[in-house]
PDB file of all heavy atoms in Angstrom:
ATOM      1  N   THR A   1      33.498 140.336  48.246  1.00  0.00           N
ATOM      2  CA  THR A   1      33.653 138.941  48.648  1.00  0.00           C
ATOM      3  C   THR A   1      32.792 138.675  49.879  1.00  0.00           C
ATOM      4  O   THR A   1      32.621 139.534  50.738  1.00  0.00           O
ATOM      5  CB  THR A   1      35.129 138.656  48.971  1.00  0.00           C
ATOM      6  OG1 THR A   1      35.912 138.909  47.810  1.00  0.00           O
ATOM      7  CG2 THR A   1      35.343 137.217  49.422  1.00  0.00           C
ATOM      8  N   GLU A   2      32.271 137.445  49.960  1.00  0.00           N
ATOM      9  CA  GLU A   2      31.495 137.001  51.124  1.00  0.00           C
ATOM     10  C   GLU A   2      30.306 137.919  51.407  1.00  0.00           C
ATOM     11  O   GLU A   2      29.844 138.027  52.540  1.00  0.00           O
ATOM     12  CB  GLU A   2      32.415 136.867  52.353  1.00  0.00           C
ATOM     13  CG  GLU A   2      33.456 135.781  52.139  1.00  0.00           C
ATOM     14  CD  GLU A   2      34.659 135.858  53.064  1.00  0.00           C
ATOM     15  OE1 GLU A   2      34.860 136.913  53.693  1.00  0.00           O
ATOM     16  OE2 GLU A   2      35.410 134.872  53.133  1.00  0.00           O
ATOM     17  N   ASN A   3      29.839 138.591  50.364  1.00  0.00           N
ATOM     18  CA  ASN A   3      28.687 139.492  50.480  1.00  0.00           C
ATOM     19  C   ASN A   3      28.860 140.476  51.633  1.00  0.00           C
ATOM     20  O   ASN A   3      27.884 140.856  52.294  1.00  0.00           O
ATOM     21  CB  ASN A   3      27.385 138.691  50.661  1.00  0.00           C
ATOM     22  CG  ASN A   3      26.143 139.537  50.454  1.00  0.00           C
ATOM     23  OD1 ASN A   3      26.162 140.520  49.707  1.00  0.00           O
ATOM     24  ND2 ASN A   3      25.056 139.182  51.119  1.00  0.00           N
ATOM     25  N   ASP A   4      30.095 140.907  51.862  1.00  0.00           N
ATOM     26  CA  ASP A   4      30.345 141.860  52.946  1.00  0.00           C
ATOM     27  C   ASP A   4      29.874 143.243  52.496  1.00  0.00           C
ATOM     28  O   ASP A   4      30.639 144.053  51.985  1.00  0.00           O
ATOM     29  CB  ASP A   4      31.832 141.882  53.310  1.00  0.00           C
ATOM     30  CG  ASP A   4      32.104 142.743  54.546  1.00  0.00           C
ATOM     31  OD1 ASP A   4      31.189 143.465  54.983  1.00  0.00           O
ATOM     32  OD2 ASP A   4      33.226 142.696  55.061  1.00  0.00           O
ATOM     33  N   SER A   5      28.614 143.496  52.727  1.00  0.00           N
ATOM     34  CA  SER A   5      28.012 144.751  52.271  1.00  0.00           C
ATOM     35  C   SER A   5      28.639 145.958  52.943  1.00  0.00           C
ATOM     36  O   SER A   5      28.706 147.045  52.354  1.00  0.00           O
ATOM     37  CB  SER A   5      26.501 144.732  52.531  1.00  0.00           C
ATOM     38  OG  SER A   5      26.217 144.600  53.915  1.00  0.00           O
ATOM     39  N   LEU A   6      29.116 145.795  54.164  1.00  0.00           N
ATOM     40  CA  LEU A   6      29.724 146.914  54.875  1.00  0.00           C
ATOM     41  C   LEU A   6      31.125 147.225  54.360  1.00  0.00           C
ATOM     42  O   LEU A   6      31.677 148.276  54.690  1.00  0.00           O
ATOM     43  CB  LEU A   6      29.759 146.642  56.381  1.00  0.00           C
ATOM     44  CG  LEU A   6      28.392 146.658  57.077  1.00  0.00           C
ATOM     45  CD1 LEU A   6      28.532 146.305  58.551  1.00  0.00           C
ATOM     46  CD2 LEU A   6      27.707 148.013  56.920  1.00  0.00           C
ATOM     47  N   ASN A   7      31.703 146.321  53.572  1.00  0.00           N
ATOM     48  CA  ASN A   7      32.948 146.647  52.886  1.00  0.00           C
ATOM     49  C   ASN A   7      32.668 147.106  51.456  1.00  0.00           C
ATOM     50  O   ASN A   7      33.452 147.862  50.871  1.00  0.00           O
ATOM     51  CB  ASN A   7      33.902 145.453  52.867  1.00  0.00           C
ATOM     52  CG  ASN A   7      35.356 145.887  52.887  1.00  0.00           C
ATOM     53  OD1 ASN A   7      35.775 146.661  53.752  1.00  0.00           O
ATOM     54  ND2 ASN A   7      36.144 145.413  51.939  1.00  0.00           N
ATOM     55  N   ALA A   8      31.548 146.663  50.905  1.00  0.00           N
ATOM     56  CA  ALA A   8      31.157 147.131  49.576  1.00  0.00           C
ATOM     57  C   ALA A   8      30.890 148.634  49.591  1.00  0.00           C
ATOM     58  O   ALA A   8      31.181 149.333  48.600  1.00  0.00           O
ATOM     59  CB  ALA A   8      29.912 146.389  49.093  1.00  0.00           C
ATOM     60  N   ILE A   9      30.361 149.161  50.696  1.00  0.00           N
ATOM     61  CA  ILE A   9      30.034 150.588  50.757  1.00  0.00           C
ATOM     62  C   ILE A   9      31.286 151.453  50.620  1.00  0.00           C
ATOM     63  O   ILE A   9      31.330 152.348  49.763  1.00  0.00           O
ATOM     64  CB  ILE A   9      29.260 150.904  52.053  1.00  0.00           C
ATOM     65  CG1 ILE A   9      27.875 150.249  52.005  1.00  0.00           C
ATOM     66  CG2 ILE A   9      29.118 152.411  52.245  1.00  0.00           C
ATOM     67  CD1 ILE A   9      27.101 150.346  53.316  1.00  0.00           C
ATOM     68  N   PRO A  10      32.345 151.242  51.422  1.00  0.00           N
ATOM     69  CA  PRO A  10      33.547 152.063  51.199  1.00  0.00           C
ATOM     70  C   PRO A  10      34.232 151.774  49.866  1.00  0.00           C
ATOM     71  O   PRO A  10      34.885 152.660  49.308  1.00  0.00           O
ATOM     72  CB  PRO A  10      34.452 151.717  52.390  1.00  0.00           C
ATOM     73  CG  PRO A  10      33.949 150.427  52.915  1.00  0.00           C
ATOM     74  CD  PRO A  10      32.476 150.419  52.640  1.00  0.00           C
ATOM     75  N   MET A  11      34.099 150.549  49.333  1.00  0.00           N
ATOM     76  CA  MET A  11      34.598 150.295  47.973  1.00  0.00           C
ATOM     77  C   MET A  11      33.871 151.207  46.982  1.00  0.00           C
ATOM     78  O   MET A  11      34.488 151.809  46.091  1.00  0.00           O
ATOM     79  CB  MET A  11      34.381 148.832  47.580  1.00  0.00           C
ATOM     80  CG  MET A  11      35.303 147.832  48.254  1.00  0.00           C
ATOM     81  SD  MET A  11      34.873 146.121  47.822  1.00  0.00           S
ATOM     82  CE  MET A  11      35.419 146.042  46.109  1.00  0.00           C
ATOM     83  N   LEU A  12      32.558 151.311  47.139  1.00  0.00           N
ATOM     84  CA  LEU A  12      31.766 152.176  46.261  1.00  0.00           C
ATOM     85  C   LEU A  12      32.149 153.636  46.449  1.00  0.00           C
ATOM     86  O   LEU A  12      32.306 154.380  45.468  1.00  0.00           O
ATOM     87  CB  LEU A  12      30.277 151.969  46.556  1.00  0.00           C
ATOM     88  CG  LEU A  12      29.290 152.818  45.761  1.00  0.00           C
ATOM     89  CD1 LEU A  12      29.451 152.600  44.274  1.00  0.00           C
ATOM     90  CD2 LEU A  12      27.861 152.510  46.199  1.00  0.00           C
ATOM     91  N   PHE A  13      32.320 154.058  47.704  1.00  0.00           N
ATOM     92  CA  PHE A  13      32.769 155.435  47.964  1.00  0.00           C
ATOM     93  C   PHE A  13      34.084 155.708  47.235  1.00  0.00           C
ATOM     94  O   PHE A  13      34.234 156.714  46.545  1.00  0.00           O
ATOM     95  CB  PHE A  13      32.978 155.646  49.465  1.00  0.00           C
ATOM     96  CG  PHE A  13      31.717 155.706  50.290  1.00  0.00           C
ATOM     97  CD1 PHE A  13      31.800 155.746  51.681  1.00  0.00           C
ATOM     98  CD2 PHE A  13      30.472 155.720  49.709  1.00  0.00           C
ATOM     99  CE1 PHE A  13      30.659 155.818  52.468  1.00  0.00           C
ATOM    100  CE2 PHE A  13      29.313 155.774  50.484  1.00  0.00           C
ATOM    101  CZ  PHE A  13      29.409 155.819  51.871  1.00  0.00           C
ATOM    102  N   GLY A  14      35.061 154.808  47.424  1.00  0.00           N
ATOM    103  CA  GLY A  14      36.373 155.021  46.824  1.00  0.00           C
ATOM    104  C   GLY A  14      36.312 155.075  45.309  1.00  0.00           C
ATOM    105  O   GLY A  14      36.992 155.896  44.682  1.00  0.00           O
ATOM    106  N   HIS A  15      35.496 154.218  44.726  1.00  0.00           N
ATOM    107  CA  HIS A  15      35.373 154.203  43.261  1.00  0.00           C
ATOM    108  C   HIS A  15      34.796 155.517  42.745  1.00  0.00           C
ATOM    109  O   HIS A  15      35.314 156.104  41.786  1.00  0.00           O
ATOM    110  CB  HIS A  15      34.486 153.035  42.841  1.00  0.00           C
ATOM    111  CG  HIS A  15      34.177 153.018  41.380  1.00  0.00           C
ATOM    112  ND1 HIS A  15      35.155 153.022  40.408  1.00  0.00           N
ATOM    113  CD2 HIS A  15      32.992 153.023  40.705  1.00  0.00           C
ATOM    114  CE1 HIS A  15      34.589 153.009  39.210  1.00  0.00           C
ATOM    115  NE2 HIS A  15      33.282 153.024  39.361  1.00  0.00           N
ATOM    116  N   LEU A  16      33.740 156.001  43.372  1.00  0.00           N
ATOM    117  CA  LEU A  16      33.092 157.220  42.894  1.00  0.00           C
ATOM    118  C   LEU A  16      33.939 158.465  43.152  1.00  0.00           C
ATOM    119  O   LEU A  16      33.850 159.449  42.415  1.00  0.00           O
ATOM    120  CB  LEU A  16      31.716 157.375  43.552  1.00  0.00           C
ATOM    121  CG  LEU A  16      30.684 156.303  43.172  1.00  0.00           C
ATOM    122  CD1 LEU A  16      29.391 156.513  43.958  1.00  0.00           C
ATOM    123  CD2 LEU A  16      30.411 156.292  41.675  1.00  0.00           C
ATOM    124  N   LEU A  17      34.773 158.433  44.176  1.00  0.00           N
ATOM    125  CA  LEU A  17      35.620 159.592  44.486  1.00  0.00           C
ATOM    126  C   LEU A  17      36.886 159.639  43.645  1.00  0.00           C
ATOM    127  O   LEU A  17      37.452 160.717  43.427  1.00  0.00           O
ATOM    128  CB  LEU A  17      35.990 159.582  45.976  1.00  0.00           C
ATOM    129  CG  LEU A  17      34.836 159.823  46.953  1.00  0.00           C
ATOM    130  CD1 LEU A  17      35.298 159.595  48.388  1.00  0.00           C
ATOM    131  CD2 LEU A  17      34.259 161.228  46.809  1.00  0.00           C
ATOM    132  N   THR A  18      37.354 158.479  43.171  1.00  0.00           N
ATOM    133  CA  THR A  18      38.626 158.436  42.438  1.00  0.00           C
ATOM    134  C   THR A  18      38.488 157.961  40.996  1.00  0.00           C
ATOM    135  O   THR A  18      39.429 158.087  40.218  1.00  0.00           O
ATOM    136  CB  THR A  18      39.626 157.486  43.133  1.00  0.00           C
ATOM    137  OG1 THR A  18      39.132 156.139  43.024  1.00  0.00           O
ATOM    138  CG2 THR A  18      39.809 157.846  44.597  1.00  0.00           C
ATOM    139  N   ASN A  19      37.338 157.380  40.657  1.00  0.00           N
ATOM    140  CA  ASN A  19      37.094 156.793  39.326  1.00  0.00           C
ATOM    141  C   ASN A  19      37.946 155.565  39.052  1.00  0.00           C
ATOM    142  O   ASN A  19      38.090 155.150  37.902  1.00  0.00           O
ATOM    143  CB  ASN A  19      37.319 157.828  38.210  1.00  0.00           C
ATOM    144  CG  ASN A  19      36.486 159.085  38.388  1.00  0.00           C
ATOM    145  OD1 ASN A  19      35.429 159.046  39.004  1.00  0.00           O
ATOM    146  ND2 ASN A  19      36.959 160.194  37.855  1.00  0.00           N
ATOM    147  N   THR A  20      38.522 154.959  40.089  1.00  0.00           N
ATOM    148  CA  THR A  20      39.421 153.820  39.908  1.00  0.00           C
ATOM    149  C   THR A  20      38.836 152.545  40.516  1.00  0.00           C
ATOM    150  O   THR A  20      37.860 152.579  41.274  1.00  0.00           O
ATOM    151  CB  THR A  20      40.790 154.087  40.553  1.00  0.00           C
ATOM    152  OG1 THR A  20      40.605 154.305  41.960  1.00  0.00           O
ATOM    153  CG2 THR A  20      41.454 155.307  39.940  1.00  0.00           C
ATOM    154  N   ALA A  21      39.452 151.412  40.178  1.00  0.00           N
ATOM    155  CA  ALA A  21      39.075 150.120  40.754  1.00  0.00           C
ATOM    156  C   ALA A  21      39.481 150.078  42.228  1.00  0.00           C
ATOM    157  O   ALA A  21      40.346 150.833  42.682  1.00  0.00           O
ATOM    158  CB  ALA A  21      39.748 148.994  39.975  1.00  0.00           C
ATOM    159  N   GLN A  22      38.857 149.169  42.976  1.00  0.00           N
ATOM    160  CA  GLN A  22      39.090 149.072  44.414  1.00  0.00           C
ATOM    161  C   GLN A  22      39.568 147.674  44.796  1.00  0.00           C
ATOM    162  O   GLN A  22      39.096 146.675  44.252  1.00  0.00           O
ATOM    163  CB  GLN A  22      37.793 149.376  45.171  1.00  0.00           C
ATOM    164  CG  GLN A  22      37.180 150.723  44.829  1.00  0.00           C
ATOM    165  CD  GLN A  22      38.034 151.886  45.253  1.00  0.00           C
ATOM    166  OE1 GLN A  22      38.285 152.078  46.448  1.00  0.00           O
ATOM    167  NE2 GLN A  22      38.487 152.680  44.300  1.00  0.00           N
ATOM    168  N   ILE A  23      40.506 147.625  45.738  1.00  0.00           N
ATOM    169  CA  ILE A  23      41.014 146.346  46.246  1.00  0.00           C
ATOM    170  C   ILE A  23      40.182 145.920  47.456  1.00  0.00           C
ATOM    171  O   ILE A  23      39.993 146.689  48.396  1.00  0.00           O
ATOM    172  CB  ILE A  23      42.490 146.465  46.670  1.00  0.00           C
ATOM    173  CG1 ILE A  23      43.370 146.884  45.488  1.00  0.00           C
ATOM    174  CG2 ILE A  23      42.986 145.142  47.256  1.00  0.00           C
ATOM    175  CD1 ILE A  23      44.809 147.178  45.869  1.00  0.00           C
ATOM    176  N   PHE A  24      39.672 144.697  47.421  1.00  0.00           N
ATOM    177  CA  PHE A  24      39.009 144.082  48.575  1.00  0.00           C
ATOM    178  C   PHE A  24      40.019 143.149  49.233  1.00  0.00           C
ATOM    179  O   PHE A  24      40.627 142.323  48.552  1.00  0.00           O
ATOM    180  CB  PHE A  24      37.772 143.303  48.120  1.00  0.00           C
ATOM    181  CG  PHE A  24      36.992 142.659  49.233  1.00  0.00           C
ATOM    182  CD1 PHE A  24      35.762 143.163  49.612  1.00  0.00           C
ATOM    183  CD2 PHE A  24      37.476 141.534  49.906  1.00  0.00           C
ATOM    184  CE1 PHE A  24      35.028 142.567  50.633  1.00  0.00           C
ATOM    185  CE2 PHE A  24      36.760 140.938  50.935  1.00  0.00           C
ATOM    186  CZ  PHE A  24      35.525 141.460  51.298  1.00  0.00           C
ATOM    187  N   ALA A  25      40.194 143.286  50.534  1.00  0.00           N
ATOM    188  CA  ALA A  25      41.192 142.430  51.186  1.00  0.00           C
ATOM    189  C   ALA A  25      40.837 142.159  52.642  1.00  0.00           C
ATOM    190  O   ALA A  25      40.158 142.959  53.294  1.00  0.00           O
ATOM    191  CB  ALA A  25      42.583 143.083  51.127  1.00  0.00           C
ATOM    192  N   ASP A  26      41.296 141.019  53.128  1.00  0.00           N
ATOM    193  CA  ASP A  26      41.354 140.786  54.569  1.00  0.00           C
ATOM    194  C   ASP A  26      42.434 141.688  55.160  1.00  0.00           C
ATOM    195  O   ASP A  26      43.527 141.817  54.589  1.00  0.00           O
ATOM    196  CB  ASP A  26      41.773 139.344  54.864  1.00  0.00           C
ATOM    197  CG  ASP A  26      40.603 138.383  54.983  1.00  0.00           C
ATOM    198  OD1 ASP A  26      39.458 138.820  54.797  1.00  0.00           O
ATOM    199  OD2 ASP A  26      40.849 137.197  55.244  1.00  0.00           O
ATOM    200  N   VAL A  27      42.136 142.290  56.293  1.00  0.00           N
ATOM    201  CA  VAL A  27      43.180 142.951  57.081  1.00  0.00           C
ATOM    202  C   VAL A  27      43.697 141.844  57.997  1.00  0.00           C
ATOM    203  O   VAL A  27      43.272 141.675  59.120  1.00  0.00           O
ATOM    204  CB  VAL A  27      42.606 144.143  57.863  1.00  0.00           C
ATOM    205  CG1 VAL A  27      43.712 144.924  58.571  1.00  0.00           C
ATOM    206  CG2 VAL A  27      41.838 145.068  56.915  1.00  0.00           C
ATOM    207  N   ARG A  28      44.664 141.099  57.457  1.00  0.00           N
ATOM    208  CA  ARG A  28      44.880 139.737  57.959  1.00  0.00           C
ATOM    209  C   ARG A  28      45.899 139.610  59.076  1.00  0.00           C
ATOM    210  O   ARG A  28      45.668 138.914  60.065  1.00  0.00           O
ATOM    211  CB  ARG A  28      45.288 138.832  56.794  1.00  0.00           C
ATOM    212  CG  ARG A  28      45.120 137.345  57.083  1.00  0.00           C
ATOM    213  CD  ARG A  28      45.358 136.525  55.824  1.00  0.00           C
ATOM    214  NE  ARG A  28      45.071 135.110  56.029  1.00  0.00           N
ATOM    215  CZ  ARG A  28      43.890 134.535  55.825  1.00  0.00           C
ATOM    216  NH1 ARG A  28      42.866 135.263  55.457  1.00  0.00           N
ATOM    217  NH2 ARG A  28      43.740 133.236  56.014  1.00  0.00           N
ATOM    218  N   THR A  29      47.052 140.250  58.943  1.00  0.00           N
ATOM    219  CA  THR A  29      48.123 140.027  59.923  1.00  0.00           C
ATOM    220  C   THR A  29      48.953 141.284  60.107  1.00  0.00           C
ATOM    221  O   THR A  29      49.338 141.930  59.123  1.00  0.00           O
ATOM    222  CB  THR A  29      49.068 138.899  59.459  1.00  0.00           C
ATOM    223  OG1 THR A  29      48.306 137.751  59.087  1.00  0.00           O
ATOM    224  CG2 THR A  29      50.057 138.535  60.551  1.00  0.00           C
ATOM    225  N   TYR A  30      49.238 141.622  61.358  1.00  0.00           N
ATOM    226  CA  TYR A  30      50.255 142.638  61.657  1.00  0.00           C
ATOM    227  C   TYR A  30      51.570 141.917  61.925  1.00  0.00           C
ATOM    228  O   TYR A  30      51.655 141.057  62.802  1.00  0.00           O
ATOM    229  CB  TYR A  30      49.864 143.483  62.865  1.00  0.00           C
ATOM    230  CG  TYR A  30      51.041 144.243  63.440  1.00  0.00           C
ATOM    231  CD1 TYR A  30      51.642 145.262  62.725  1.00  0.00           C
ATOM    232  CD2 TYR A  30      51.568 143.908  64.694  1.00  0.00           C
ATOM    233  CE1 TYR A  30      52.744 145.946  63.224  1.00  0.00           C
ATOM    234  CE2 TYR A  30      52.656 144.594  65.219  1.00  0.00           C
ATOM    235  CZ  TYR A  30      53.240 145.608  64.486  1.00  0.00           C
ATOM    236  OH  TYR A  30      54.326 146.285  64.982  1.00  0.00           O
ATOM    237  N   TRP A  31      52.579 142.274  61.136  1.00  0.00           N
ATOM    238  CA  TRP A  31      53.924 141.726  61.342  1.00  0.00           C
ATOM    239  C   TRP A  31      54.794 142.806  61.974  1.00  0.00           C
ATOM    240  O   TRP A  31      55.129 143.804  61.344  1.00  0.00           O
ATOM    241  CB  TRP A  31      54.537 141.290  60.009  1.00  0.00           C
ATOM    242  CG  TRP A  31      54.107 139.937  59.540  1.00  0.00           C
ATOM    243  CD1 TRP A  31      53.162 139.655  58.594  1.00  0.00           C
ATOM    244  CD2 TRP A  31      54.614 138.683  59.990  1.00  0.00           C
ATOM    245  NE1 TRP A  31      53.050 138.300  58.427  1.00  0.00           N
ATOM    246  CE2 TRP A  31      53.937 137.676  59.273  1.00  0.00           C
ATOM    247  CE3 TRP A  31      55.578 138.308  60.929  1.00  0.00           C
ATOM    248  CZ2 TRP A  31      54.182 136.319  59.465  1.00  0.00           C
ATOM    249  CZ3 TRP A  31      55.824 136.957  61.121  1.00  0.00           C
ATOM    250  CH2 TRP A  31      55.131 135.980  60.402  1.00  0.00           C
ATOM    251  N   SER A  32      55.142 142.591  63.241  1.00  0.00           N
ATOM    252  CA  SER A  32      56.038 143.520  63.919  1.00  0.00           C
ATOM    253  C   SER A  32      57.462 143.316  63.416  1.00  0.00           C
ATOM    254  O   SER A  32      57.811 142.234  62.917  1.00  0.00           O
ATOM    255  CB  SER A  32      55.994 143.293  65.431  1.00  0.00           C
ATOM    256  OG  SER A  32      56.576 142.030  65.748  1.00  0.00           O
ATOM    257  N   PRO A  33      58.320 144.323  63.546  1.00  0.00           N
ATOM    258  CA  PRO A  33      59.729 144.134  63.157  1.00  0.00           C
ATOM    259  C   PRO A  33      60.374 142.955  63.881  1.00  0.00           C
ATOM    260  O   PRO A  33      61.138 142.193  63.274  1.00  0.00           O
ATOM    261  CB  PRO A  33      60.372 145.465  63.544  1.00  0.00           C
ATOM    262  CG  PRO A  33      59.255 146.460  63.485  1.00  0.00           C
ATOM    263  CD  PRO A  33      58.037 145.708  63.951  1.00  0.00           C
ATOM    264  N   ALA A  34      60.025 142.797  65.161  1.00  0.00           N
ATOM    265  CA  ALA A  34      60.617 141.704  65.937  1.00  0.00           C
ATOM    266  C   ALA A  34      60.156 140.351  65.424  1.00  0.00           C
ATOM    267  O   ALA A  34      60.947 139.399  65.315  1.00  0.00           O
ATOM    268  CB  ALA A  34      60.266 141.866  67.412  1.00  0.00           C
ATOM    269  N   ALA A  35      58.856 140.250  65.085  1.00  0.00           N
ATOM    270  CA  ALA A  35      58.326 138.977  64.601  1.00  0.00           C
ATOM    271  C   ALA A  35      58.925 138.626  63.245  1.00  0.00           C
ATOM    272  O   ALA A  35      59.244 137.467  62.976  1.00  0.00           O
ATOM    273  CB  ALA A  35      56.800 139.039  64.516  1.00  0.00           C
ATOM    274  N   VAL A  36      59.076 139.625  62.385  1.00  0.00           N
ATOM    275  CA  VAL A  36      59.685 139.373  61.077  1.00  0.00           C
ATOM    276  C   VAL A  36      61.115 138.879  61.233  1.00  0.00           C
ATOM    277  O   VAL A  36      61.535 137.914  60.575  1.00  0.00           O
ATOM    278  CB  VAL A  36      59.643 140.652  60.207  1.00  0.00           C
ATOM    279  CG1 VAL A  36      60.489 140.473  58.944  1.00  0.00           C
ATOM    280  CG2 VAL A  36      58.214 141.000  59.843  1.00  0.00           C
ATOM    281  N   GLU A  37      61.865 139.521  62.131  1.00  0.00           N
ATOM    282  CA  GLU A  37      63.260 139.114  62.329  1.00  0.00           C
ATOM    283  C   GLU A  37      63.338 137.713  62.921  1.00  0.00           C
ATOM    284  O   GLU A  37      64.198 136.912  62.537  1.00  0.00           O
ATOM    285  CB  GLU A  37      63.976 140.117  63.228  1.00  0.00           C
ATOM    286  CG  GLU A  37      65.467 139.845  63.336  1.00  0.00           C
ATOM    287  CD  GLU A  37      66.219 140.959  64.076  1.00  0.00           C
ATOM    288  OE1 GLU A  37      65.552 141.890  64.584  1.00  0.00           O
ATOM    289  OE2 GLU A  37      67.461 140.884  64.134  1.00  0.00           O
ATOM    290  N   ARG A  38      62.419 137.395  63.848  1.00  0.00           N
ATOM    291  CA  ARG A  38      62.426 136.052  64.444  1.00  0.00           C
ATOM    292  C   ARG A  38      62.147 134.975  63.399  1.00  0.00           C
ATOM    293  O   ARG A  38      62.790 133.925  63.387  1.00  0.00           O
ATOM    294  CB  ARG A  38      61.365 135.984  65.553  1.00  0.00           C
ATOM    295  CG  ARG A  38      61.243 134.605  66.205  1.00  0.00           C
ATOM    296  CD  ARG A  38      60.151 134.587  67.265  1.00  0.00           C
ATOM    297  NE  ARG A  38      58.836 134.836  66.704  1.00  0.00           N
ATOM    298  CZ  ARG A  38      58.089 133.907  66.116  1.00  0.00           C
ATOM    299  NH1 ARG A  38      58.535 132.674  65.985  1.00  0.00           N
ATOM    300  NH2 ARG A  38      56.889 134.215  65.662  1.00  0.00           N
ATOM    301  N   VAL A  39      61.203 135.255  62.500  1.00  0.00           N
ATOM    302  CA  VAL A  39      60.762 134.238  61.537  1.00  0.00           C
ATOM    303  C   VAL A  39      61.704 134.133  60.342  1.00  0.00           C
ATOM    304  O   VAL A  39      61.937 133.038  59.812  1.00  0.00           O
ATOM    305  CB  VAL A  39      59.321 134.550  61.071  1.00  0.00           C
ATOM    306  CG1 VAL A  39      58.923 133.701  59.871  1.00  0.00           C
ATOM    307  CG2 VAL A  39      58.340 134.343  62.215  1.00  0.00           C
TER     308      VAL A  39
END
């Protein structure tokens, strides 16, 4: 996605090492236990 070539490289590594499909994702949000309980 978004032509992120620097994420395509580890996707390619993972595919060739495991023979499986790869998930591309934003590392979007850290939810702390306290924040989850508050919300």
